[in-house]
Amino acid sequence: MHLVLQEPEIDGVSMLIGIDQVVVQRRTAAGQELLIAETSAYGRTLFLDGLVQSAEADEALYHEPLVHPALVIHGAPRRVLVGGTGEGASLREILRHPSVEHIVTVDLDPEVVALCKQHLPSWSAGSLDDPRVEQRVEDIQTTLAAARPGEYDAIFLDITDPVEDGPSAALFSTKFFATVARALADDGIAVLQSGELDPIDLRMSRAIRSTLQAVFPWVEFAHTYVPSFHCLWGFALVAKRSFDRVPADLEARIERIGRAQLQVYTPTAHRAMLELPPYLQRRLEQPGPVITGEGDLLSYTTGS
């Protein structure tokens, strides 16, 4: 058995994950260290740059909360943009919504997408070959710059965390979020995976919230616990207008997407995901710095 050291989630804590079998390991042309391995704790697991990205045992605990609250609140999304194709699991969940007609999904690293399709086939479940899905290999900033104003009913930013010198650090800024707002329909909803909701240190989450509020009039946070991440994980839902977080016909909307196929998402789960614990909500609502993209960037390393 090999051991993979996961970088600390919080100061003073590291995780060791036992590896039973290496399925594939390589450095991609895009510069990412990819490992897909069998683990006794979480089953088959995807690591990028030494960190867990997605695990067989609990990937639905991440992907269903990422996708369904926003699309159910919207009610009838037709045109969807996904930044971060990855394993294809987000596409799998988006395609459960019968109103969806077309998805543009982009990723900078086609090797990761191809290797996940080969070695993690249940994650994408055929979604990468669905005729409604258009795959592109490009920077999400390029995609947004080329988009027509209001082109997308929903935008999912399943991008990597803003690690110092990482590819996503510049995306957590008002400069980038303004391009998201431009491409989003007036009645559209965008979702940003917003990283760990660390109840001890919410500086990162506060900065993300305050930065989003500088661009969007409606900002809500959802949350879920992901065991392989060892923490509460946050998702920011944003829009140009207000939405009812719990639609009056919530149960009917969820039935339309095939409730029997869902592993995590239910009407009760929807309400719980959008209801942060009161002490966490109070701490999150304390203002953080607004990151413009012109000066210092947000970074887990610097703690800006």
C-alpha atoms as a PDB file:
ATOM      1  CA  MET A   1       0.000   0.000   0.000  1.00  0.00           C
ATOM      2  CA  HIS A   2       1.261   3.456  -0.957  1.00  0.00           C
ATOM      3  CA  LEU A   3       0.330   6.597   0.940  1.00  0.00           C
ATOM      4  CA  VAL A   4      -0.716   9.892  -0.600  1.00  0.00           C
ATOM      5  CA  LEU A   5      -0.310  12.983   1.547  1.00  0.00           C
ATOM      6  CA  GLN A   6      -3.151  15.417   1.153  1.00  0.00           C
ATOM      7  CA  GLU A   7      -2.223  19.033   1.750  1.00  0.00           C
ATOM      8  CA  PRO A   8      -3.653  20.488   4.978  1.00  0.00           C
ATOM      9  CA  GLU A   9      -7.259  21.581   4.843  1.00  0.00           C
ATOM     10  CA  ILE A  10      -6.769  23.682   7.953  1.00  0.00           C
ATOM     11  CA  ASP A  11      -3.656  24.685   9.843  1.00  0.00           C
ATOM     12  CA  GLY A  12      -2.222  21.710  11.700  1.00  0.00           C
ATOM     13  CA  VAL A  13      -4.213  18.958   9.937  1.00  0.00           C
ATOM     14  CA  SER A  14      -3.049  16.668   7.121  1.00  0.00           C
ATOM     15  CA  MET A  15      -4.666  13.561   5.682  1.00  0.00           C
ATOM     16  CA  LEU A  16      -3.034  10.313   4.558  1.00  0.00           C
ATOM     17  CA  ILE A  17      -5.077   8.219   2.140  1.00  0.00           C
ATOM     18  CA  GLY A  18      -4.189   4.579   1.549  1.00  0.00           C
ATOM     19  CA  ILE A  19      -3.743   3.625  -2.115  1.00  0.00           C
ATOM     20  CA  ASP A  20      -4.518  -0.021  -2.900  1.00  0.00           C
ATOM     21  CA  GLN A  21      -3.849   0.131  -6.642  1.00  0.00           C
ATOM     22  CA  VAL A  22      -2.713   2.790  -9.098  1.00  0.00           C
ATOM     23  CA  VAL A  23      -4.988   2.761 -12.140  1.00  0.00           C
ATOM     24  CA  VAL A  24      -3.223   5.516 -14.094  1.00  0.00           C
ATOM     25  CA  GLN A  25      -0.687   8.168 -13.127  1.00  0.00           C
ATOM     26  CA  ARG A  26       0.862  10.797 -15.360  1.00  0.00           C
ATOM     27  CA  ARG A  27       1.719  14.452 -15.797  1.00  0.00           C
ATOM     28  CA  THR A  28      -0.529  15.850 -18.496  1.00  0.00           C
ATOM     29  CA  ALA A  29       0.632  18.145 -21.272  1.00  0.00           C
ATOM     30  CA  ALA A  30      -1.270  20.929 -19.480  1.00  0.00           C
ATOM     31  CA  GLY A  31       0.979  20.411 -16.450  1.00  0.00           C
ATOM     32  CA  GLN A  32      -1.359  18.658 -14.020  1.00  0.00           C
ATOM     33  CA  GLU A  33      -0.252  15.638 -11.989  1.00  0.00           C
ATOM     34  CA  LEU A  34      -3.099  13.173 -12.477  1.00  0.00           C
ATOM     35  CA  LEU A  35      -3.633  10.035 -10.423  1.00  0.00           C
ATOM     36  CA  ILE A  36      -6.605   7.690 -10.582  1.00  0.00           C
ATOM     37  CA  ALA A  37      -6.334   5.019  -7.913  1.00  0.00           C
ATOM     38  CA  GLU A  38      -8.276   2.443  -5.957  1.00  0.00           C
ATOM     39  CA  THR A  39      -8.541   3.443  -2.297  1.00  0.00           C
ATOM     40  CA  SER A  40      -9.924   1.377   0.561  1.00  0.00           C
ATOM     41  CA  ALA A  41     -11.597   4.436   2.082  1.00  0.00           C
ATOM     42  CA  TYR A  42     -13.416   5.969  -0.905  1.00  0.00           C
ATOM     43  CA  GLY A  43     -13.201   3.496  -3.773  1.00  0.00           C
ATOM     44  CA  ARG A  44     -11.811   4.679  -7.101  1.00  0.00           C
ATOM     45  CA  THR A  45     -10.604   8.256  -6.663  1.00  0.00           C
ATOM     46  CA  LEU A  46      -9.295  11.053  -8.873  1.00  0.00           C
ATOM     47  CA  PHE A  47      -6.388  13.120  -7.575  1.00  0.00           C
ATOM     48  CA  LEU A  48      -4.981  16.217  -9.276  1.00  0.00           C
ATOM     49  CA  ASP A  49      -1.708  17.637  -8.011  1.00  0.00           C
ATOM     50  CA  GLY A  50      -1.936  15.374  -4.966  1.00  0.00           C
ATOM     51  CA  LEU A  51      -5.420  16.477  -3.882  1.00  0.00           C
ATOM     52  CA  VAL A  52      -8.677  14.527  -3.978  1.00  0.00           C
ATOM     53  CA  GLN A  53     -10.945  15.863  -6.716  1.00  0.00           C
ATOM     54  CA  SER A  54     -13.653  13.229  -6.854  1.00  0.00           C
ATOM     55  CA  ALA A  55     -14.246   9.865  -5.185  1.00  0.00           C
ATOM     56  CA  GLU A  56     -16.522   6.973  -6.071  1.00  0.00           C
ATOM     57  CA  ALA A  57     -18.018   6.794  -2.583  1.00  0.00           C
ATOM     58  CA  ASP A  58     -19.241  10.378  -2.383  1.00  0.00           C
ATOM     59  CA  GLU A  59     -18.978  12.225  -5.709  1.00  0.00           C
ATOM     60  CA  ALA A  60     -22.786  12.566  -5.766  1.00  0.00           C
ATOM     61  CA  LEU A  61     -22.522  14.520  -2.495  1.00  0.00           C
ATOM     62  CA  TYR A  62     -20.633  17.150  -4.486  1.00  0.00           C
ATOM     63  CA  HIS A  63     -22.159  17.070  -7.969  1.00  0.00           C
ATOM     64  CA  GLU A  64     -25.859  16.945  -7.083  1.00  0.00           C
ATOM     65  CA  PRO A  65     -25.670  20.009  -4.775  1.00  0.00           C
ATOM     66  CA  LEU A  66     -23.547  21.814  -7.373  1.00  0.00           C
ATOM     67  CA  VAL A  67     -26.173  21.391 -10.091  1.00  0.00           C
ATOM     68  CA  HIS A  68     -29.703  20.783  -8.896  1.00  0.00           C
ATOM     69  CA  PRO A  69     -30.525  23.597  -6.438  1.00  0.00           C
ATOM     70  CA  ALA A  70     -29.729  26.245  -9.061  1.00  0.00           C
ATOM     71  CA  LEU A  71     -31.507  24.557 -11.968  1.00  0.00           C
ATOM     72  CA  VAL A  72     -34.564  23.704  -9.873  1.00  0.00           C
ATOM     73  CA  ILE A  73     -34.755  27.306  -8.619  1.00  0.00           C
ATOM     74  CA  HIS A  74     -34.492  28.530 -12.221  1.00  0.00           C
ATOM     75  CA  GLY A  75     -37.198  26.142 -13.370  1.00  0.00           C
ATOM     76  CA  ALA A  76     -36.579  25.847 -17.116  1.00  0.00           C
ATOM     77  CA  PRO A  77     -32.931  26.206 -18.189  1.00  0.00           C
ATOM     78  CA  ARG A  78     -32.305  25.627 -21.897  1.00  0.00           C
ATOM     79  CA  ARG A  79     -28.767  26.868 -22.616  1.00  0.00           C
ATOM     80  CA  VAL A  80     -26.028  25.951 -20.142  1.00  0.00           C
ATOM     81  CA  LEU A  81     -22.304  26.702 -19.910  1.00  0.00           C
ATOM     82  CA  VAL A  82     -19.959  24.575 -17.796  1.00  0.00           C
ATOM     83  CA  GLY A  83     -16.487  25.803 -16.938  1.00  0.00           C
ATOM     84  CA  GLY A  84     -14.544  22.675 -15.973  1.00  0.00           C
ATOM     85  CA  THR A  85     -15.631  19.538 -17.845  1.00  0.00           C
ATOM     86  CA  GLY A  86     -13.474  17.318 -15.634  1.00  0.00           C
ATOM     87  CA  GLU A  87     -14.971  13.887 -15.037  1.00  0.00           C
ATOM     88  CA  GLY A  88     -18.257  14.766 -16.763  1.00  0.00           C
ATOM     89  CA  ALA A  89     -20.348  14.251 -13.622  1.00  0.00           C
ATOM     90  CA  SER A  90     -21.725  17.801 -13.701  1.00  0.00           C
ATOM     91  CA  LEU A  91     -22.937  17.155 -17.251  1.00  0.00           C
ATOM     92  CA  ARG A  92     -24.577  13.915 -16.102  1.00  0.00           C
ATOM     93  CA  GLU A  93     -26.614  15.840 -13.541  1.00  0.00           C
ATOM     94  CA  ILE A  94     -27.457  18.807 -15.798  1.00  0.00           C
ATOM     95  CA  LEU A  95     -28.816  16.451 -18.465  1.00  0.00           C
ATOM     96  CA  ARG A  96     -31.400  15.107 -15.997  1.00  0.00           C
ATOM     97  CA  HIS A  97     -33.296  18.378 -16.494  1.00  0.00           C
ATOM     98  CA  PRO A  98     -35.676  17.860 -19.445  1.00  0.00           C
ATOM     99  CA  SER A  99     -35.680  21.538 -20.467  1.00  0.00           C
ATOM    100  CA  VAL A 100     -31.934  21.536 -21.266  1.00  0.00           C
ATOM    101  CA  GLU A 101     -31.341  21.803 -25.003  1.00  0.00           C
ATOM    102  CA  HIS A 102     -27.645  22.590 -25.300  1.00  0.00           C
ATOM    103  CA  ILE A 103     -24.580  22.534 -23.037  1.00  0.00           C
ATOM    104  CA  VAL A 104     -21.241  24.109 -23.881  1.00  0.00           C
ATOM    105  CA  THR A 105     -18.572  22.569 -21.645  1.00  0.00           C
ATOM    106  CA  VAL A 106     -14.952  23.734 -21.605  1.00  0.00           C
ATOM    107  CA  ASP A 107     -11.756  22.466 -20.038  1.00  0.00           C
ATOM    108  CA  LEU A 108      -8.106  23.400 -20.387  1.00  0.00           C
ATOM    109  CA  ASP A 109      -6.894  19.814 -20.002  1.00  0.00           C
ATOM    110  CA  PRO A 110      -8.343  17.326 -22.501  1.00  0.00           C
ATOM    111  CA  GLU A 111      -6.161  14.531 -21.107  1.00  0.00           C
ATOM    112  CA  VAL A 112      -7.932  14.734 -17.763  1.00  0.00           C
ATOM    113  CA  VAL A 113     -11.322  14.567 -19.506  1.00  0.00           C
ATOM    114  CA  ALA A 114     -10.268  11.619 -21.688  1.00  0.00           C
ATOM    115  CA  LEU A 115      -8.677   9.641 -18.846  1.00  0.00           C
ATOM    116  CA  CYS A 116     -11.695  10.181 -16.620  1.00  0.00           C
ATOM    117  CA  LYS A 117     -14.016   9.051 -19.404  1.00  0.00           C
ATOM    118  CA  GLN A 118     -11.921   5.885 -19.759  1.00  0.00           C
ATOM    119  CA  HIS A 119     -11.260   5.050 -16.122  1.00  0.00           C
ATOM    120  CA  LEU A 120     -14.214   6.709 -14.333  1.00  0.00           C
ATOM    121  CA  PRO A 121     -17.041   5.945 -16.784  1.00  0.00           C
ATOM    122  CA  SER A 122     -19.852   6.030 -14.212  1.00  0.00           C
ATOM    123  CA  TRP A 123     -19.043   9.678 -13.450  1.00  0.00           C
ATOM    124  CA  SER A 124     -19.971  10.886 -16.942  1.00  0.00           C
ATOM    125  CA  ALA A 125     -22.485   8.048 -17.586  1.00  0.00           C
ATOM    126  CA  GLY A 126     -22.456   8.711 -21.325  1.00  0.00           C
ATOM    127  CA  SER A 127     -23.000  12.466 -20.984  1.00  0.00           C
ATOM    128  CA  LEU A 128     -19.810  13.306 -22.896  1.00  0.00           C
ATOM    129  CA  ASP A 129     -21.314  11.621 -25.963  1.00  0.00           C
ATOM    130  CA  ASP A 130     -24.766  13.184 -25.624  1.00  0.00           C
ATOM    131  CA  PRO A 131     -25.683  15.196 -28.767  1.00  0.00           C
ATOM    132  CA  ARG A 132     -26.758  18.124 -26.592  1.00  0.00           C
ATOM    133  CA  VAL A 133     -23.192  18.504 -25.277  1.00  0.00           C
ATOM    134  CA  GLU A 134     -20.594  20.590 -27.135  1.00  0.00           C
ATOM    135  CA  GLN A 135     -17.076  20.063 -25.782  1.00  0.00           C
ATOM    136  CA  ARG A 136     -14.383  22.704 -26.176  1.00  0.00           C
ATOM    137  CA  VAL A 137     -10.737  22.793 -25.132  1.00  0.00           C
ATOM    138  CA  GLU A 138     -10.194  26.409 -24.149  1.00  0.00           C
ATOM    139  CA  ASP A 139     -10.009  28.842 -21.268  1.00  0.00           C
ATOM    140  CA  ILE A 140     -13.413  29.718 -19.791  1.00  0.00           C
ATOM    141  CA  GLN A 141     -12.434  33.376 -20.193  1.00  0.00           C
ATOM    142  CA  THR A 142     -12.205  32.817 -23.957  1.00  0.00           C
ATOM    143  CA  THR A 143     -15.638  31.185 -23.969  1.00  0.00           C
ATOM    144  CA  LEU A 144     -17.225  34.033 -22.046  1.00  0.00           C
ATOM    145  CA  ALA A 145     -15.586  36.698 -24.199  1.00  0.00           C
ATOM    146  CA  ALA A 146     -17.080  35.098 -27.318  1.00  0.00           C
ATOM    147  CA  ALA A 147     -20.552  34.612 -25.808  1.00  0.00           C
ATOM    148  CA  ARG A 148     -23.482  36.765 -26.823  1.00  0.00           C
ATOM    149  CA  PRO A 149     -24.927  38.948 -24.055  1.00  0.00           C
ATOM    150  CA  GLY A 150     -27.423  36.883 -22.090  1.00  0.00           C
ATOM    151  CA  GLU A 151     -26.622  33.717 -24.040  1.00  0.00           C
ATOM    152  CA  TYR A 152     -26.819  31.252 -21.134  1.00  0.00           C
ATOM    153  CA  ASP A 153     -29.649  30.446 -18.743  1.00  0.00           C
ATOM    154  CA  ALA A 154     -27.210  28.779 -16.352  1.00  0.00           C
ATOM    155  CA  ILE A 155     -23.443  28.944 -15.928  1.00  0.00           C
ATOM    156  CA  PHE A 156     -21.517  26.505 -13.749  1.00  0.00           C
ATOM    157  CA  LEU A 157     -17.992  27.418 -12.721  1.00  0.00           C
ATOM    158  CA  ASP A 158     -16.605  24.122 -11.435  1.00  0.00           C
ATOM    159  CA  ILE A 159     -13.099  25.557 -11.507  1.00  0.00           C
ATOM    160  CA  THR A 160     -10.162  24.712  -9.293  1.00  0.00           C
ATOM    161  CA  ASP A 161      -9.566  26.602  -6.058  1.00  0.00           C
ATOM    162  CA  PRO A 162      -7.628  29.891  -6.230  1.00  0.00           C
ATOM    163  CA  VAL A 163      -4.274  28.465  -5.238  1.00  0.00           C
ATOM    164  CA  GLU A 164      -1.389  30.931  -5.576  1.00  0.00           C
ATOM    165  CA  ASP A 165       0.099  30.708  -9.113  1.00  0.00           C
ATOM    166  CA  GLY A 166      -2.693  28.290 -10.069  1.00  0.00           C
ATOM    167  CA  PRO A 167      -4.794  28.605 -13.252  1.00  0.00           C
ATOM    168  CA  SER A 168      -7.931  29.844 -11.454  1.00  0.00           C
ATOM    169  CA  ALA A 169      -6.578  32.549  -9.142  1.00  0.00           C
ATOM    170  CA  ALA A 170      -7.441  35.348 -11.590  1.00  0.00           C
ATOM    171  CA  LEU A 171     -11.005  34.077 -11.997  1.00  0.00           C
ATOM    172  CA  PHE A 172     -12.081  34.910  -8.448  1.00  0.00           C
ATOM    173  CA  SER A 173     -12.413  38.637  -9.154  1.00  0.00           C
ATOM    174  CA  THR A 174     -14.986  41.271 -10.115  1.00  0.00           C
ATOM    175  CA  LYS A 175     -13.230  41.578 -13.481  1.00  0.00           C
ATOM    176  CA  PHE A 176     -13.966  37.940 -14.292  1.00  0.00           C
ATOM    177  CA  PHE A 177     -17.406  37.834 -12.683  1.00  0.00           C
ATOM    178  CA  ALA A 178     -18.457  40.822 -14.821  1.00  0.00           C
ATOM    179  CA  THR A 179     -17.855  38.671 -17.908  1.00  0.00           C
ATOM    180  CA  VAL A 180     -20.002  35.957 -16.337  1.00  0.00           C
ATOM    181  CA  ALA A 181     -22.785  38.476 -15.721  1.00  0.00           C
ATOM    182  CA  ARG A 182     -22.609  39.651 -19.329  1.00  0.00           C
ATOM    183  CA  ALA A 183     -23.068  36.116 -20.687  1.00  0.00           C
ATOM    184  CA  LEU A 184     -25.826  35.256 -18.205  1.00  0.00           C
ATOM    185  CA  ALA A 185     -29.474  35.795 -19.137  1.00  0.00           C
ATOM    186  CA  ASP A 186     -31.386  38.377 -17.120  1.00  0.00           C
ATOM    187  CA  ASP A 187     -33.339  35.517 -15.520  1.00  0.00           C
ATOM    188  CA  GLY A 188     -30.359  33.151 -15.420  1.00  0.00           C
ATOM    189  CA  ILE A 189     -28.437  31.677 -12.480  1.00  0.00           C
ATOM    190  CA  ALA A 190     -24.694  31.088 -12.193  1.00  0.00           C
ATOM    191  CA  VAL A 191     -23.018  28.763  -9.699  1.00  0.00           C
ATOM    192  CA  LEU A 192     -19.454  28.944  -8.436  1.00  0.00           C
ATOM    193  CA  GLN A 193     -17.861  26.182  -6.432  1.00  0.00           C
ATOM    194  CA  SER A 194     -16.494  28.351  -3.667  1.00  0.00           C
ATOM    195  CA  GLY A 195     -14.293  26.002  -1.704  1.00  0.00           C
ATOM    196  CA  GLU A 196     -14.165  24.994   1.906  1.00  0.00           C
ATOM    197  CA  LEU A 197     -16.532  26.594   4.398  1.00  0.00           C
ATOM    198  CA  ASP A 198     -14.039  26.505   7.240  1.00  0.00           C
ATOM    199  CA  PRO A 199     -15.911  27.563  10.407  1.00  0.00           C
ATOM    200  CA  ILE A 200     -12.596  28.571  12.021  1.00  0.00           C
ATOM    201  CA  ASP A 201     -11.331  30.772   9.190  1.00  0.00           C
ATOM    202  CA  LEU A 202     -13.870  32.162   6.719  1.00  0.00           C
ATOM    203  CA  ARG A 203     -11.604  34.810   5.175  1.00  0.00           C
ATOM    204  CA  MET A 204     -11.659  33.098   1.796  1.00  0.00           C
ATOM    205  CA  SER A 205     -15.441  32.593   1.758  1.00  0.00           C
ATOM    206  CA  ARG A 206     -16.079  36.168   2.904  1.00  0.00           C
ATOM    207  CA  ALA A 207     -13.861  37.530   0.148  1.00  0.00           C
ATOM    208  CA  ILE A 208     -15.663  35.427  -2.461  1.00  0.00           C
ATOM    209  CA  ARG A 209     -19.061  36.549  -1.152  1.00  0.00           C
ATOM    210  CA  SER A 210     -18.156  40.235  -1.045  1.00  0.00           C
ATOM    211  CA  THR A 211     -16.573  40.061  -4.509  1.00  0.00           C
ATOM    212  CA  LEU A 212     -19.671  38.406  -5.982  1.00  0.00           C
ATOM    213  CA  GLN A 213     -21.942  40.964  -4.270  1.00  0.00           C
ATOM    214  CA  ALA A 214     -20.032  43.745  -6.027  1.00  0.00           C
ATOM    215  CA  VAL A 215     -21.259  42.310  -9.354  1.00  0.00           C
ATOM    216  CA  PHE A 216     -24.534  40.455  -8.707  1.00  0.00           C
ATOM    217  CA  PRO A 217     -27.567  41.743  -6.756  1.00  0.00           C
ATOM    218  CA  TRP A 218     -28.557  38.201  -5.671  1.00  0.00           C
ATOM    219  CA  VAL A 219     -25.953  36.031  -3.927  1.00  0.00           C
ATOM    220  CA  GLU A 220     -26.805  32.916  -1.915  1.00  0.00           C
ATOM    221  CA  PHE A 221     -24.609  30.165  -0.507  1.00  0.00           C
ATOM    222  CA  ALA A 222     -25.396  26.461  -0.493  1.00  0.00           C
ATOM    223  CA  HIS A 223     -23.371  23.857   1.329  1.00  0.00           C
ATOM    224  CA  THR A 224     -22.745  20.132   1.548  1.00  0.00           C
ATOM    225  CA  TYR A 225     -20.453  17.823   3.459  1.00  0.00           C
ATOM    226  CA  VAL A 226     -18.071  15.766   1.309  1.00  0.00           C
ATOM    227  CA  PRO A 227     -16.296  13.064   3.352  1.00  0.00           C
ATOM    228  CA  SER A 228     -13.373  12.678   0.942  1.00  0.00           C
ATOM    229  CA  PHE A 229     -12.797  16.448   1.198  1.00  0.00           C
ATOM    230  CA  HIS A 230     -13.021  16.237   5.018  1.00  0.00           C
ATOM    231  CA  CYS A 231     -14.998  19.455   5.263  1.00  0.00           C
ATOM    232  CA  LEU A 232     -18.124  21.441   4.495  1.00  0.00           C
ATOM    233  CA  TRP A 233     -18.034  22.630   0.902  1.00  0.00           C
ATOM    234  CA  GLY A 234     -19.638  25.799  -0.397  1.00  0.00           C
ATOM    235  CA  PHE A 235     -21.397  26.768  -3.621  1.00  0.00           C
ATOM    236  CA  ALA A 236     -22.317  30.352  -4.447  1.00  0.00           C
ATOM    237  CA  LEU A 237     -25.516  30.899  -6.446  1.00  0.00           C
ATOM    238  CA  VAL A 238     -25.721  34.301  -8.127  1.00  0.00           C
ATOM    239  CA  ALA A 239     -28.127  36.115 -10.423  1.00  0.00           C
ATOM    240  CA  LYS A 240     -29.088  39.519 -11.777  1.00  0.00           C
ATOM    241  CA  ARG A 241     -32.443  39.359 -10.012  1.00  0.00           C
ATOM    242  CA  SER A 242     -33.838  37.747  -6.894  1.00  0.00           C
ATOM    243  CA  PHE A 243     -35.203  34.215  -6.844  1.00  0.00           C
ATOM    244  CA  ASP A 244     -37.265  32.322  -4.312  1.00  0.00           C
ATOM    245  CA  ARG A 245     -34.791  29.860  -2.817  1.00  0.00           C
ATOM    246  CA  VAL A 246     -37.613  27.374  -2.217  1.00  0.00           C
ATOM    247  CA  PRO A 247     -40.132  27.466  -5.093  1.00  0.00           C
ATOM    248  CA  ALA A 248     -43.749  26.809  -4.172  1.00  0.00           C
ATOM    249  CA  ASP A 249     -43.794  23.788  -6.508  1.00  0.00           C
ATOM    250  CA  LEU A 250     -40.403  22.450  -5.356  1.00  0.00           C
ATOM    251  CA  GLU A 251     -41.541  18.831  -5.108  1.00  0.00           C
ATOM    252  CA  ALA A 252     -43.019  18.864  -8.616  1.00  0.00           C
ATOM    253  CA  ARG A 253     -39.876  20.392 -10.094  1.00  0.00           C
ATOM    254  CA  ILE A 254     -37.726  17.691  -8.525  1.00  0.00           C
ATOM    255  CA  GLU A 255     -40.054  14.952  -9.756  1.00  0.00           C
ATOM    256  CA  ARG A 256     -39.547  16.250 -13.305  1.00  0.00           C
ATOM    257  CA  ILE A 257     -35.816  15.526 -13.158  1.00  0.00           C
ATOM    258  CA  GLY A 258     -36.310  11.925 -12.044  1.00  0.00           C
ATOM    259  CA  ARG A 259     -36.143  11.818  -8.271  1.00  0.00           C
ATOM    260  CA  ALA A 260     -35.693   8.041  -8.231  1.00  0.00           C
ATOM    261  CA  GLN A 261     -32.315   8.401  -9.977  1.00  0.00           C
ATOM    262  CA  LEU A 262     -30.930  10.885  -7.459  1.00  0.00           C
ATOM    263  CA  GLN A 263     -28.702   9.756  -4.614  1.00  0.00           C
ATOM    264  CA  VAL A 264     -28.576  12.926  -2.515  1.00  0.00           C
ATOM    265  CA  TYR A 265     -30.965  15.606  -3.719  1.00  0.00           C
ATOM    266  CA  THR A 266     -34.531  15.658  -2.325  1.00  0.00           C
ATOM    267  CA  PRO A 267     -36.943  18.464  -1.379  1.00  0.00           C
ATOM    268  CA  THR A 268     -35.714  18.259   2.200  1.00  0.00           C
ATOM    269  CA  ALA A 269     -32.076  18.247   1.060  1.00  0.00           C
ATOM    270  CA  HIS A 270     -32.736  21.311  -1.127  1.00  0.00           C
ATOM    271  CA  ARG A 271     -33.942  23.285   1.875  1.00  0.00           C
ATOM    272  CA  ALA A 272     -31.057  22.070   4.030  1.00  0.00           C
ATOM    273  CA  MET A 273     -28.390  22.855   1.418  1.00  0.00           C
ATOM    274  CA  LEU A 274     -29.560  26.472   1.235  1.00  0.00           C
ATOM    275  CA  GLU A 275     -29.895  26.914   5.005  1.00  0.00           C
ATOM    276  CA  LEU A 276     -26.481  27.471   6.551  1.00  0.00           C
ATOM    277  CA  PRO A 277     -26.104  26.916  10.298  1.00  0.00           C
ATOM    278  CA  PRO A 278     -26.908  30.278  11.928  1.00  0.00           C
ATOM    279  CA  TYR A 279     -23.458  30.793  13.458  1.00  0.00           C
ATOM    280  CA  LEU A 280     -21.824  30.073  10.106  1.00  0.00           C
ATOM    281  CA  GLN A 281     -24.247  32.400   8.285  1.00  0.00           C
ATOM    282  CA  ARG A 282     -23.467  35.225  10.733  1.00  0.00           C
ATOM    283  CA  ARG A 283     -19.733  34.795  10.251  1.00  0.00           C
ATOM    284  CA  LEU A 284     -20.023  34.518   6.479  1.00  0.00           C
ATOM    285  CA  GLU A 285     -22.017  37.747   6.284  1.00  0.00           C
ATOM    286  CA  GLN A 286     -19.168  39.765   7.790  1.00  0.00           C
ATOM    287  CA  PRO A 287     -17.712  41.782   4.877  1.00  0.00           C
ATOM    288  CA  GLY A 288     -14.552  40.568   3.206  1.00  0.00           C
ATOM    289  CA  PRO A 289     -12.199  42.248   0.719  1.00  0.00           C
ATOM    290  CA  VAL A 290     -13.490  42.821  -2.807  1.00  0.00           C
ATOM    291  CA  ILE A 291     -11.024  41.315  -5.277  1.00  0.00           C
ATOM    292  CA  THR A 292     -10.980  43.404  -8.448  1.00  0.00           C
ATOM    293  CA  GLY A 293      -8.411  41.432 -10.416  1.00  0.00           C
ATOM    294  CA  GLU A 294      -6.236  44.492 -10.861  1.00  0.00           C
ATOM    295  CA  GLY A 295      -4.121  44.041  -7.734  1.00  0.00           C
ATOM    296  CA  ASP A 296      -3.603  41.182  -5.291  1.00  0.00           C
ATOM    297  CA  LEU A 297      -5.426  38.010  -6.194  1.00  0.00           C
ATOM    298  CA  LEU A 298      -7.338  35.712  -3.894  1.00  0.00           C
ATOM    299  CA  SER A 299      -5.234  32.792  -2.768  1.00  0.00           C
ATOM    300  CA  TYR A 300      -5.466  29.991  -0.244  1.00  0.00           C
ATOM    301  CA  THR A 301      -1.700  30.196   0.083  1.00  0.00           C
ATOM    302  CA  THR A 302      -1.523  33.882   0.948  1.00  0.00           C
ATOM    303  CA  GLY A 303      -4.831  33.990   2.823  1.00  0.00           C
ATOM    304  CA  SER A 304      -5.613  37.302   1.144  1.00  0.00           C
END
